[in-house]
PDB file of N, CA and C in Angstrom:
ATOM      1  N   MET A   1       0.816  -1.193   0.000  1.00  0.00           N
ATOM      2  CA  MET A   1       0.000   0.000   0.000  1.00  0.00           C
ATOM      3  C   MET A   1       0.864   1.263   0.000  1.00  0.00           C
ATOM      4  N   ALA A   2       1.996   1.195   0.703  1.00  0.00           N
ATOM      5  CA  ALA A   2       2.884   2.364   0.769  1.00  0.00           C
ATOM      6  C   ALA A   2       3.406   2.731  -0.613  1.00  0.00           C
ATOM      7  N   LEU A   3       3.686   1.738  -1.429  1.00  0.00           N
ATOM      8  CA  LEU A   3       4.186   2.006  -2.774  1.00  0.00           C
ATOM      9  C   LEU A   3       3.131   2.725  -3.608  1.00  0.00           C
ATOM     10  N   ILE A   4       1.891   2.261  -3.554  1.00  0.00           N
ATOM     11  CA  ILE A   4       0.804   2.893  -4.317  1.00  0.00           C
ATOM     12  C   ILE A   4       0.587   4.325  -3.825  1.00  0.00           C
ATOM     13  N   THR A   5       0.636   4.523  -2.512  1.00  0.00           N
ATOM     14  CA  THR A   5       0.489   5.860  -1.934  1.00  0.00           C
ATOM     15  C   THR A   5       1.582   6.777  -2.446  1.00  0.00           C
ATOM     16  N   ASN A   6       2.826   6.307  -2.396  1.00  0.00           N
ATOM     17  CA  ASN A   6       3.956   7.119  -2.865  1.00  0.00           C
ATOM     18  C   ASN A   6       3.860   7.416  -4.355  1.00  0.00           C
ATOM     19  N   ILE A   7       3.347   6.483  -5.119  1.00  0.00           N
ATOM     20  CA  ILE A   7       3.161   6.717  -6.556  1.00  0.00           C
ATOM     21  C   ILE A   7       2.147   7.837  -6.773  1.00  0.00           C
ATOM     22  N   PHE A   8       1.054   7.807  -6.029  1.00  0.00           N
ATOM     23  CA  PHE A   8       0.044   8.865  -6.181  1.00  0.00           C
ATOM     24  C   PHE A   8       0.577  10.220  -5.730  1.00  0.00           C
ATOM     25  N   VAL A   9       1.294  10.260  -4.625  1.00  0.00           N
ATOM     26  CA  VAL A   9       1.895  11.520  -4.164  1.00  0.00           C
ATOM     27  C   VAL A   9       2.904  12.011  -5.206  1.00  0.00           C
ATOM     28  N   GLY A  10       3.700  11.090  -5.735  1.00  0.00           N
ATOM     29  CA  GLY A  10       4.659  11.449  -6.781  1.00  0.00           C
ATOM     30  C   GLY A  10       3.973  11.957  -8.042  1.00  0.00           C
ATOM     31  N   LEU A  11       2.830  11.385  -8.374  1.00  0.00           N
ATOM     32  CA  LEU A  11       2.057  11.844  -9.527  1.00  0.00           C
ATOM     33  C   LEU A  11       1.591  13.285  -9.320  1.00  0.00           C
ATOM     34  N   VAL A  12       1.112  13.595  -8.122  1.00  0.00           N
ATOM     35  CA  VAL A  12       0.677  14.964  -7.834  1.00  0.00           C
ATOM     36  C   VAL A  12       1.872  15.917  -7.938  1.00  0.00           C
ATOM     37  N   ALA A  13       3.018  15.505  -7.412  1.00  0.00           N
ATOM     38  CA  ALA A  13       4.227  16.340  -7.515  1.00  0.00           C
ATOM     39  C   ALA A  13       4.605  16.543  -8.985  1.00  0.00           C
ATOM     40  N   PHE A  14       4.584  15.466  -9.766  1.00  0.00           N
ATOM     41  CA  PHE A  14       4.904  15.556 -11.195  1.00  0.00           C
ATOM     42  C   PHE A  14       3.946  16.498 -11.913  1.00  0.00           C
ATOM     43  N   LEU A  15       2.653  16.392 -11.619  1.00  0.00           N
ATOM     44  CA  LEU A  15       1.673  17.289 -12.239  1.00  0.00           C
ATOM     45  C   LEU A  15       2.017  18.748 -11.952  1.00  0.00           C
ATOM     46  N   HIS A  16       2.451  19.041 -10.735  1.00  0.00           N
ATOM     47  CA  HIS A  16       2.756  20.422 -10.386  1.00  0.00           C
ATOM     48  C   HIS A  16       4.055  20.911 -11.018  1.00  0.00           C
ATOM     49  N   ILE A  17       4.975  20.011 -11.268  1.00  0.00           N
ATOM     50  CA  ILE A  17       6.166  20.380 -12.045  1.00  0.00           C
ATOM     51  C   ILE A  17       5.744  20.684 -13.483  1.00  0.00           C
ATOM     52  N   TYR A  18       4.847  19.886 -14.009  1.00  0.00           N
ATOM     53  CA  TYR A  18       4.303  20.125 -15.356  1.00  0.00           C
ATOM     54  C   TYR A  18       3.585  21.472 -15.412  1.00  0.00           C
ATOM     55  N   PHE A  19       2.771  21.775 -14.389  1.00  0.00           N
ATOM     56  CA  PHE A  19       2.081  23.068 -14.351  1.00  0.00           C
ATOM     57  C   PHE A  19       3.090  24.208 -14.296  1.00  0.00           C
ATOM     58  N   LEU A  20       4.162  24.025 -13.517  1.00  0.00           N
ATOM     59  CA  LEU A  20       5.224  25.038 -13.447  1.00  0.00           C
ATOM     60  C   LEU A  20       5.786  25.309 -14.832  1.00  0.00           C
ATOM     61  N   ILE A  21       6.106  24.260 -15.562  1.00  0.00           N
ATOM     62  CA  ILE A  21       6.678  24.417 -16.905  1.00  0.00           C
ATOM     63  C   ILE A  21       5.689  25.121 -17.827  1.00  0.00           C
ATOM     64  N   LEU A  22       4.432  24.689 -17.793  1.00  0.00           N
ATOM     65  CA  LEU A  22       3.411  25.319 -18.632  1.00  0.00           C
ATOM     66  C   LEU A  22       3.270  26.807 -18.334  1.00  0.00           C
ATOM     67  N   GLU A  23       3.196  27.145 -17.060  1.00  0.00           N
ATOM     68  CA  GLU A  23       2.893  28.517 -16.676  1.00  0.00           C
ATOM     69  C   GLU A  23       4.116  29.434 -16.713  1.00  0.00           C
ATOM     70  N   MET A  24       5.280  28.900 -16.403  1.00  0.00           N
ATOM     71  CA  MET A  24       6.467  29.759 -16.362  1.00  0.00           C
ATOM     72  C   MET A  24       7.171  29.881 -17.710  1.00  0.00           C
ATOM     73  N   PHE A  25       7.124  28.823 -18.508  1.00  0.00           N
ATOM     74  CA  PHE A  25       7.943  28.800 -19.718  1.00  0.00           C
ATOM     75  C   PHE A  25       7.157  28.667 -21.027  1.00  0.00           C
ATOM     76  N   LEU A  26       5.951  28.112 -20.968  1.00  0.00           N
ATOM     77  CA  LEU A  26       5.201  27.858 -22.202  1.00  0.00           C
ATOM     78  C   LEU A  26       3.925  28.685 -22.316  1.00  0.00           C
ATOM     79  N   TRP A  27       3.668  29.546 -21.361  1.00  0.00           N
ATOM     80  CA  TRP A  27       2.431  30.319 -21.307  1.00  0.00           C
ATOM     81  C   TRP A  27       2.123  31.023 -22.623  1.00  0.00           C
ATOM     82  N   ASP A  28       3.116  31.687 -23.200  1.00  0.00           N
ATOM     83  CA  ASP A  28       2.891  32.471 -24.423  1.00  0.00           C
ATOM     84  C   ASP A  28       3.419  31.785 -25.678  1.00  0.00           C
ATOM     85  N   LYS A  29       3.713  30.495 -25.554  1.00  0.00           N
ATOM     86  CA  LYS A  29       4.163  29.687 -26.699  1.00  0.00           C
ATOM     87  C   LYS A  29       2.954  28.925 -27.256  1.00  0.00           C
ATOM     88  N   PRO A  30       3.042  28.415 -28.475  1.00  0.00           N
ATOM     89  CA  PRO A  30       1.881  27.733 -29.084  1.00  0.00           C
ATOM     90  C   PRO A  30       1.256  26.645 -28.205  1.00  0.00           C
ATOM     91  N   PHE A  31       2.084  25.813 -27.576  1.00  0.00           N
ATOM     92  CA  PHE A  31       1.527  24.746 -26.734  1.00  0.00           C
ATOM     93  C   PHE A  31       0.777  25.331 -25.538  1.00  0.00           C
ATOM     94  N   GLY A  32       1.350  26.335 -24.895  1.00  0.00           N
ATOM     95  CA  GLY A  32       0.691  26.984 -23.763  1.00  0.00           C
ATOM     96  C   GLY A  32      -0.581  27.704 -24.168  1.00  0.00           C
ATOM     97  N   LEU A  33      -0.534  28.371 -25.310  1.00  0.00           N
ATOM     98  CA  LEU A  33      -1.733  29.063 -25.799  1.00  0.00           C
ATOM     99  C   LEU A  33      -2.870  28.070 -26.023  1.00  0.00           C
ATOM    100  N   LYS A  34      -2.543  26.941 -26.636  1.00  0.00           N
ATOM    101  CA  LYS A  34      -3.558  25.924 -26.905  1.00  0.00           C
ATOM    102  C   LYS A  34      -4.061  25.292 -25.606  1.00  0.00           C
ATOM    103  N   THR A  35      -3.148  24.990 -24.698  1.00  0.00           N
ATOM    104  CA  THR A  35      -3.509  24.343 -23.437  1.00  0.00           C
ATOM    105  C   THR A  35      -4.485  25.192 -22.634  1.00  0.00           C
ATOM    106  N   PHE A  36      -4.217  26.495 -22.565  1.00  0.00           N
ATOM    107  CA  PHE A  36      -5.040  27.376 -21.738  1.00  0.00           C
ATOM    108  C   PHE A  36      -6.093  28.141 -22.534  1.00  0.00           C
ATOM    109  N   GLY A  37      -6.150  27.922 -23.849  1.00  0.00           N
ATOM    110  CA  GLY A  37      -7.156  28.590 -24.669  1.00  0.00           C
ATOM    111  C   GLY A  37      -6.979  30.098 -24.710  1.00  0.00           C
ATOM    112  N   ASN A  38      -5.738  30.547 -24.660  1.00  0.00           N
ATOM    113  CA  ASN A  38      -5.443  31.978 -24.674  1.00  0.00           C
ATOM    114  C   ASN A  38      -5.097  32.472 -26.067  1.00  0.00           C
ATOM    115  N   THR A  39      -5.291  33.741 -26.272  1.00  0.00           N
ATOM    116  CA  THR A  39      -4.761  34.401 -27.460  1.00  0.00           C
ATOM    117  C   THR A  39      -3.350  34.884 -27.123  1.00  0.00           C
ATOM    118  N   GLN A  40      -2.578  35.178 -28.134  1.00  0.00           N
ATOM    119  CA  GLN A  40      -1.227  35.690 -27.897  1.00  0.00           C
ATOM    120  C   GLN A  40      -1.278  36.998 -27.109  1.00  0.00           C
ATOM    121  N   GLU A  41      -2.242  37.838 -27.434  1.00  0.00           N
ATOM    122  CA  GLU A  41      -2.363  39.126 -26.751  1.00  0.00           C
ATOM    123  C   GLU A  41      -2.663  38.944 -25.261  1.00  0.00           C
ATOM    124  N   LYS A  42      -3.610  38.070 -24.951  1.00  0.00           N
ATOM    125  CA  LYS A  42      -3.954  37.816 -23.552  1.00  0.00           C
ATOM    126  C   LYS A  42      -2.771  37.185 -22.810  1.00  0.00           C
ATOM    127  N   ALA A  43      -2.091  36.265 -23.459  1.00  0.00           N
ATOM    128  CA  ALA A  43      -0.932  35.611 -22.840  1.00  0.00           C
ATOM    129  C   ALA A  43       0.168  36.628 -22.550  1.00  0.00           C
ATOM    130  N   ASN A  44       0.392  37.547 -23.460  1.00  0.00           N
ATOM    131  CA  ASN A  44       1.421  38.564 -23.247  1.00  0.00           C
ATOM    132  C   ASN A  44       1.095  39.435 -22.033  1.00  0.00           C
ATOM    133  N   VAL A  45      -0.170  39.782 -21.884  1.00  0.00           N
ATOM    134  CA  VAL A  45      -0.592  40.649 -20.781  1.00  0.00           C
ATOM    135  C   VAL A  45      -0.532  39.914 -19.437  1.00  0.00           C
ATOM    136  N   THR A  46      -0.818  38.615 -19.438  1.00  0.00           N
ATOM    137  CA  THR A  46      -0.912  37.852 -18.192  1.00  0.00           C
ATOM    138  C   THR A  46       0.321  37.003 -17.893  1.00  0.00           C
ATOM    139  N   LYS A  47       1.358  37.136 -18.692  1.00  0.00           N
ATOM    140  CA  LYS A  47       2.540  36.275 -18.563  1.00  0.00           C
ATOM    141  C   LYS A  47       3.168  36.333 -17.169  1.00  0.00           C
ATOM    142  N   VAL A  48       3.321  37.514 -16.613  1.00  0.00           N
ATOM    143  CA  VAL A  48       3.949  37.638 -15.302  1.00  0.00           C
ATOM    144  C   VAL A  48       3.090  36.979 -14.223  1.00  0.00           C
ATOM    145  N   LEU A  49       1.783  37.131 -14.329  1.00  0.00           N
ATOM    146  CA  LEU A  49       0.890  36.472 -13.372  1.00  0.00           C
ATOM    147  C   LEU A  49       1.010  34.952 -13.470  1.00  0.00           C
ATOM    148  N   ALA A  50       1.074  34.448 -14.691  1.00  0.00           N
ATOM    149  CA  ALA A  50       1.194  33.005 -14.902  1.00  0.00           C
ATOM    150  C   ALA A  50       2.523  32.488 -14.361  1.00  0.00           C
ATOM    151  N   MET A  51       3.579  33.265 -14.540  1.00  0.00           N
ATOM    152  CA  MET A  51       4.884  32.847 -14.033  1.00  0.00           C
ATOM    153  C   MET A  51       4.847  32.752 -12.507  1.00  0.00           C
ATOM    154  N   ASN A  52       4.191  33.687 -11.858  1.00  0.00           N
ATOM    155  CA  ASN A  52       4.059  33.664 -10.409  1.00  0.00           C
ATOM    156  C   ASN A  52       3.277  32.432  -9.972  1.00  0.00           C
ATOM    157  N   GLN A  53       2.199  32.148 -10.668  1.00  0.00           N
ATOM    158  CA  GLN A  53       1.395  30.971 -10.365  1.00  0.00           C
ATOM    159  C   GLN A  53       2.203  29.698 -10.572  1.00  0.00           C
ATOM    160  N   GLY A  54       2.997  29.666 -11.626  1.00  0.00           N
ATOM    161  CA  GLY A  54       3.843  28.508 -11.888  1.00  0.00           C
ATOM    162  C   GLY A  54       4.858  28.283 -10.781  1.00  0.00           C
ATOM    163  N   LEU A  55       5.411  29.375 -10.266  1.00  0.00           N
ATOM    164  CA  LEU A  55       6.375  29.266  -9.173  1.00  0.00           C
ATOM    165  C   LEU A  55       5.730  28.630  -7.948  1.00  0.00           C
ATOM    166  N   TYR A  56       4.511  29.053  -7.631  1.00  0.00           N
ATOM    167  CA  TYR A  56       3.803  28.451  -6.501  1.00  0.00           C
ATOM    168  C   TYR A  56       3.543  26.963  -6.728  1.00  0.00           C
ATOM    169  N   ASN A  57       3.231  26.585  -7.944  1.00  0.00           N
ATOM    170  CA  ASN A  57       3.062  25.162  -8.242  1.00  0.00           C
ATOM    171  C   ASN A  57       4.366  24.410  -8.019  1.00  0.00           C
ATOM    172  N   GLY A  58       5.475  25.054  -8.328  1.00  0.00           N
ATOM    173  CA  GLY A  58       6.780  24.448  -8.071  1.00  0.00           C
ATOM    174  C   GLY A  58       7.025  24.233  -6.582  1.00  0.00           C
ATOM    175  N   PHE A  59       6.584  25.198  -5.763  1.00  0.00           N
ATOM    176  CA  PHE A  59       6.732  25.041  -4.314  1.00  0.00           C
ATOM    177  C   PHE A  59       5.897  23.867  -3.805  1.00  0.00           C
ATOM    178  N   LEU A  60       4.698  23.700  -4.354  1.00  0.00           N
ATOM    179  CA  LEU A  60       3.869  22.560  -3.957  1.00  0.00           C
ATOM    180  C   LEU A  60       4.556  21.246  -4.308  1.00  0.00           C
ATOM    181  N   ALA A  61       5.112  21.172  -5.504  1.00  0.00           N
ATOM    182  CA  ALA A  61       5.829  19.962  -5.921  1.00  0.00           C
ATOM    183  C   ALA A  61       7.039  19.725  -5.019  1.00  0.00           C
ATOM    184  N   ALA A  62       7.786  20.776  -4.714  1.00  0.00           N
ATOM    185  CA  ALA A  62       8.975  20.639  -3.866  1.00  0.00           C
ATOM    186  C   ALA A  62       8.590  20.115  -2.484  1.00  0.00           C
ATOM    187  N   GLY A  63       7.499  20.617  -1.933  1.00  0.00           N
ATOM    188  CA  GLY A  63       7.058  20.144  -0.621  1.00  0.00           C
ATOM    189  C   GLY A  63       6.685  18.681  -0.632  1.00  0.00           C
ATOM    190  N   LEU A  64       6.003  18.261  -1.683  1.00  0.00           N
ATOM    191  CA  LEU A  64       5.623  16.846  -1.781  1.00  0.00           C
ATOM    192  C   LEU A  64       6.844  15.952  -1.951  1.00  0.00           C
ATOM    193  N   ILE A  65       7.782  16.391  -2.766  1.00  0.00           N
ATOM    194  CA  ILE A  65       9.009  15.611  -2.969  1.00  0.00           C
ATOM    195  C   ILE A  65       9.812  15.543  -1.670  1.00  0.00           C
ATOM    196  N   TRP A  66       9.893  16.658  -0.971  1.00  0.00           N
ATOM    197  CA  TRP A  66      10.575  16.702   0.328  1.00  0.00           C
ATOM    198  C   TRP A  66       9.950  15.673   1.276  1.00  0.00           C
ATOM    199  N   GLY A  67       8.624  15.669   1.354  1.00  0.00           N
ATOM    200  CA  GLY A  67       7.940  14.714   2.214  1.00  0.00           C
ATOM    201  C   GLY A  67       8.221  13.275   1.817  1.00  0.00           C
ATOM    202  N   LEU A  68       8.219  13.014   0.514  1.00  0.00           N
ATOM    203  CA  LEU A  68       8.513  11.654   0.042  1.00  0.00           C
ATOM    204  C   LEU A  68       9.938  11.232   0.397  1.00  0.00           C
ATOM    205  N   LEU A  69      10.876  12.150   0.261  1.00  0.00           N
ATOM    206  CA  LEU A  69      12.275  11.823   0.555  1.00  0.00           C
ATOM    207  C   LEU A  69      12.516  11.525   2.032  1.00  0.00           C
ATOM    208  N   LEU A  70      11.678  12.063   2.893  1.00  0.00           N
ATOM    209  CA  LEU A  70      11.817  11.811   4.335  1.00  0.00           C
ATOM    210  C   LEU A  70      11.215  10.479   4.762  1.00  0.00           C
ATOM    211  N   GLY A  71      10.531   9.810   3.850  1.00  0.00           N
ATOM    212  CA  GLY A  71       9.902   8.535   4.201  1.00  0.00           C
ATOM    213  C   GLY A  71       8.763   8.755   5.174  1.00  0.00           C
ATOM    214  N   THR A  72       8.624   7.853   6.138  1.00  0.00           N
ATOM    215  CA  THR A  72       7.504   7.972   7.081  1.00  0.00           C
ATOM    216  C   THR A  72       7.600   9.242   7.924  1.00  0.00           C
ATOM    217  N   ALA A  73       8.783   9.772   8.103  1.00  0.00           N
ATOM    218  CA  ALA A  73       8.948  11.025   8.856  1.00  0.00           C
ATOM    219  C   ALA A  73       8.354  12.217   8.098  1.00  0.00           C
ATOM    220  N   GLY A  74       8.099  12.057   6.820  1.00  0.00           N
ATOM    221  CA  GLY A  74       7.556  13.133   6.011  1.00  0.00           C
ATOM    222  C   GLY A  74       6.050  13.097   5.839  1.00  0.00           C
ATOM    223  N   THR A  75       5.381  12.208   6.536  1.00  0.00           N
ATOM    224  CA  THR A  75       3.933  12.059   6.360  1.00  0.00           C
ATOM    225  C   THR A  75       3.178  13.363   6.618  1.00  0.00           C
ATOM    226  N   ASN A  76       3.490  14.059   7.698  1.00  0.00           N
ATOM    227  CA  ASN A  76       2.778  15.304   7.996  1.00  0.00           C
ATOM    228  C   ASN A  76       3.056  16.385   6.951  1.00  0.00           C
ATOM    229  N   ILE A  77       4.248  16.392   6.416  1.00  0.00           N
ATOM    230  CA  ILE A  77       4.590  17.347   5.352  1.00  0.00           C
ATOM    231  C   ILE A  77       3.762  17.041   4.114  1.00  0.00           C
ATOM    232  N   ILE A  78       3.662  15.771   3.775  1.00  0.00           N
ATOM    233  CA  ILE A  78       2.869  15.361   2.615  1.00  0.00           C
ATOM    234  C   ILE A  78       1.399  15.736   2.824  1.00  0.00           C
ATOM    235  N   ILE A  79       0.879  15.484   4.005  1.00  0.00           N
ATOM    236  CA  ILE A  79      -0.514  15.833   4.301  1.00  0.00           C
ATOM    237  C   ILE A  79      -0.726  17.335   4.135  1.00  0.00           C
ATOM    238  N   PHE A  80       0.191  18.132   4.654  1.00  0.00           N
ATOM    239  CA  PHE A  80       0.062  19.586   4.532  1.00  0.00           C
ATOM    240  C   PHE A  80       0.051  20.014   3.067  1.00  0.00           C
ATOM    241  N   PHE A  81       1.024  19.554   2.288  1.00  0.00           N
ATOM    242  CA  PHE A  81       1.116  20.005   0.898  1.00  0.00           C
ATOM    243  C   PHE A  81      -0.019  19.453   0.033  1.00  0.00           C
ATOM    244  N   LEU A  82      -0.462  18.233   0.286  1.00  0.00           N
ATOM    245  CA  LEU A  82      -1.632  17.725  -0.435  1.00  0.00           C
ATOM    246  C   LEU A  82      -2.868  18.552  -0.097  1.00  0.00           C
ATOM    247  N   SER A  83      -2.990  18.944   1.157  1.00  0.00           N
ATOM    248  CA  SER A  83      -4.119  19.797   1.555  1.00  0.00           C
ATOM    249  C   SER A  83      -4.064  21.135   0.835  1.00  0.00           C
ATOM    250  N   CYS A  84      -2.874  21.702   0.701  1.00  0.00           N
ATOM    251  CA  CYS A  84      -2.707  22.953  -0.046  1.00  0.00           C
ATOM    252  C   CYS A  84      -3.119  22.776  -1.505  1.00  0.00           C
ATOM    253  N   VAL A  85      -2.721  21.673  -2.107  1.00  0.00           N
ATOM    254  CA  VAL A  85      -3.078  21.384  -3.499  1.00  0.00           C
ATOM    255  C   VAL A  85      -4.593  21.266  -3.633  1.00  0.00           C
ATOM    256  N   ILE A  86      -5.218  20.586  -2.689  1.00  0.00           N
ATOM    257  CA  ILE A  86      -6.676  20.407  -2.747  1.00  0.00           C
ATOM    258  C   ILE A  86      -7.388  21.752  -2.639  1.00  0.00           C
ATOM    259  N   VAL A  87      -6.981  22.579  -1.691  1.00  0.00           N
ATOM    260  CA  VAL A  87      -7.600  23.899  -1.540  1.00  0.00           C
ATOM    261  C   VAL A  87      -7.400  24.727  -2.812  1.00  0.00           C
ATOM    262  N   ALA A  88      -6.187  24.718  -3.345  1.00  0.00           N
ATOM    263  CA  ALA A  88      -5.919  25.465  -4.581  1.00  0.00           C
ATOM    264  C   ALA A  88      -6.760  24.925  -5.737  1.00  0.00           C
ATOM    265  N   GLY A  89      -6.889  23.605  -5.818  1.00  0.00           N
ATOM    266  CA  GLY A  89      -7.694  22.999  -6.875  1.00  0.00           C
ATOM    267  C   GLY A  89      -9.166  23.326  -6.755  1.00  0.00           C
ATOM    268  N   LEU A  90      -9.686  23.308  -5.535  1.00  0.00           N
ATOM    269  CA  LEU A  90     -11.097  23.658  -5.328  1.00  0.00           C
ATOM    270  C   LEU A  90     -11.344  25.130  -5.642  1.00  0.00           C
ATOM    271  N   PHE A  91     -10.436  25.985  -5.223  1.00  0.00           N
ATOM    272  CA  PHE A  91     -10.572  27.412  -5.517  1.00  0.00           C
ATOM    273  C   PHE A  91     -10.494  27.662  -7.021  1.00  0.00           C
ATOM    274  N   GLY A  92      -9.544  27.010  -7.678  1.00  0.00           N
ATOM    275  CA  GLY A  92      -9.412  27.156  -9.123  1.00  0.00           C
ATOM    276  C   GLY A  92     -10.637  26.652  -9.865  1.00  0.00           C
ATOM    277  N   ALA A  93     -11.199  25.556  -9.390  1.00  0.00           N
ATOM    278  CA  ALA A  93     -12.412  25.016 -10.022  1.00  0.00           C
ATOM    279  C   ALA A  93     -13.584  25.965  -9.851  1.00  0.00           C
ATOM    280  N   ALA A  94     -13.645  26.621  -8.698  1.00  0.00           N
ATOM    281  CA  ALA A  94     -14.753  27.544  -8.426  1.00  0.00           C
ATOM    282  C   ALA A  94     -14.605  28.870  -9.153  1.00  0.00           C
ATOM    283  N   THR A  95     -13.365  29.289  -9.401  1.00  0.00           N
ATOM    284  CA  THR A  95     -13.144  30.631  -9.941  1.00  0.00           C
ATOM    285  C   THR A  95     -12.636  30.679 -11.379  1.00  0.00           C
ATOM    286  N   ALA A  96     -11.963  29.642 -11.824  1.00  0.00           N
ATOM    287  CA  ALA A  96     -11.335  29.702 -13.145  1.00  0.00           C
ATOM    288  C   ALA A  96     -11.915  28.691 -14.128  1.00  0.00           C
ATOM    289  N   SER A  97     -11.810  27.406 -13.799  1.00  0.00           N
ATOM    290  CA  SER A  97     -12.262  26.363 -14.720  1.00  0.00           C
ATOM    291  C   SER A  97     -12.596  25.104 -13.939  1.00  0.00           C
ATOM    292  N   ARG A  98     -13.728  24.530 -14.224  1.00  0.00           N
ATOM    293  CA  ARG A  98     -14.150  23.298 -13.550  1.00  0.00           C
ATOM    294  C   ARG A  98     -13.171  22.149 -13.816  1.00  0.00           C
ATOM    295  N   LYS A  99     -12.449  22.214 -14.930  1.00  0.00           N
ATOM    296  CA  LYS A  99     -11.456  21.173 -15.254  1.00  0.00           C
ATOM    297  C   LYS A  99     -10.419  21.022 -14.152  1.00  0.00           C
ATOM    298  N   ILE A 100     -10.122  22.122 -13.460  1.00  0.00           N
ATOM    299  CA  ILE A 100      -9.096  22.095 -12.415  1.00  0.00           C
ATOM    300  C   ILE A 100      -9.480  21.117 -11.303  1.00  0.00           C
ATOM    301  N   LEU A 101     -10.769  20.945 -11.079  1.00  0.00           N
ATOM    302  CA  LEU A 101     -11.231  19.995 -10.073  1.00  0.00           C
ATOM    303  C   LEU A 101     -10.713  18.594 -10.381  1.00  0.00           C
ATOM    304  N   PHE A 102     -10.725  18.226 -11.647  1.00  0.00           N
ATOM    305  CA  PHE A 102     -10.325  16.875 -12.049  1.00  0.00           C
ATOM    306  C   PHE A 102      -8.827  16.751 -12.289  1.00  0.00           C
ATOM    307  N   ILE A 103      -8.215  17.817 -12.774  1.00  0.00           N
ATOM    308  CA  ILE A 103      -6.792  17.772 -13.114  1.00  0.00           C
ATOM    309  C   ILE A 103      -5.906  17.963 -11.891  1.00  0.00           C
ATOM    310  N   GLN A 104      -6.331  18.831 -10.970  1.00  0.00           N
ATOM    311  CA  GLN A 104      -5.494  19.163  -9.823  1.00  0.00           C
ATOM    312  C   GLN A 104      -6.037  18.590  -8.513  1.00  0.00           C
ATOM    313  N   ALA A 105      -7.286  18.877  -8.200  1.00  0.00           N
ATOM    314  CA  ALA A 105      -7.817  18.502  -6.887  1.00  0.00           C
ATOM    315  C   ALA A 105      -8.033  16.995  -6.748  1.00  0.00           C
ATOM    316  N   ALA A 106      -8.627  16.361  -7.749  1.00  0.00           N
ATOM    317  CA  ALA A 106      -8.961  14.937  -7.631  1.00  0.00           C
ATOM    318  C   ALA A 106      -7.738  14.046  -7.380  1.00  0.00           C
ATOM    319  N   PRO A 107      -6.638  14.193  -8.140  1.00  0.00           N
ATOM    320  CA  PRO A 107      -5.472  13.358  -7.829  1.00  0.00           C
ATOM    321  C   PRO A 107      -4.941  13.587  -6.415  1.00  0.00           C
ATOM    322  N   ALA A 108      -4.988  14.841  -5.961  1.00  0.00           N
ATOM    323  CA  ALA A 108      -4.513  15.141  -4.604  1.00  0.00           C
ATOM    324  C   ALA A 108      -5.443  14.547  -3.546  1.00  0.00           C
ATOM    325  N   ILE A 109      -6.745  14.564  -3.808  1.00  0.00           N
ATOM    326  CA  ILE A 109      -7.695  13.957  -2.869  1.00  0.00           C
ATOM    327  C   ILE A 109      -7.445  12.456  -2.765  1.00  0.00           C
ATOM    328  N   ILE A 110      -7.249  11.808  -3.897  1.00  0.00           N
ATOM    329  CA  ILE A 110      -6.963  10.367  -3.892  1.00  0.00           C
ATOM    330  C   ILE A 110      -5.679  10.097  -3.119  1.00  0.00           C
ATOM    331  N   ALA A 111      -4.634  10.885  -3.388  1.00  0.00           N
ATOM    332  CA  ALA A 111      -3.364  10.695  -2.692  1.00  0.00           C
ATOM    333  C   ALA A 111      -3.519  10.932  -1.195  1.00  0.00           C
ATOM    334  N   LEU A 112      -4.268  11.945  -0.799  1.00  0.00           N
ATOM    335  CA  LEU A 112      -4.459  12.225   0.618  1.00  0.00           C
ATOM    336  C   LEU A 112      -5.222  11.091   1.309  1.00  0.00           C
ATOM    337  N   VAL A 113      -6.246  10.578   0.662  1.00  0.00           N
ATOM    338  CA  VAL A 113      -6.991   9.445   1.239  1.00  0.00           C
ATOM    339  C   VAL A 113      -6.046   8.259   1.436  1.00  0.00           C
ATOM    340  N   LEU A 114      -5.206   7.992   0.450  1.00  0.00           N
ATOM    341  CA  LEU A 114      -4.265   6.874   0.566  1.00  0.00           C
ATOM    342  C   LEU A 114      -3.268   7.117   1.695  1.00  0.00           C
ATOM    343  N   VAL A 115      -2.784   8.342   1.841  1.00  0.00           N
ATOM    344  CA  VAL A 115      -1.845   8.653   2.928  1.00  0.00           C
ATOM    345  C   VAL A 115      -2.512   8.439   4.283  1.00  0.00           C
ATOM    346  N   LEU A 116      -3.771   8.837   4.395  1.00  0.00           N
ATOM    347  CA  LEU A 116      -4.463   8.743   5.681  1.00  0.00           C
ATOM    348  C   LEU A 116      -4.927   7.337   6.040  1.00  0.00           C
ATOM    349  N   LEU A 117      -4.952   6.434   5.065  1.00  0.00           N
ATOM    350  CA  LEU A 117      -5.390   5.046   5.354  1.00  0.00           C
ATOM    351  C   LEU A 117      -4.372   4.271   6.180  1.00  0.00           C
TER     352      LEU A 117
END
């Protein structure tokens, strides 16, 4: 069970590294424009905001990886960062796009349930 739990936590961390790359480096590139449904003009105006958001996603990933590297001693760290991901995902789903509920919050909820079992 610990292996499956760690895989799910690692998946959430990987997703947030992916979000970091999308938001910090690809926001105004063709792939980023298509992913977020932005125009070049909108992406240019919001690029700095997206980079800031990407940085925060990187911090979430770093916290989860830190918790994983500590093994069982990192359980509380993992719980904290998964909770942060869930809150961010729920807020994003309520304010930006319902897709965020499934892309960000749902994997973190599954991982948190597995950690707490």
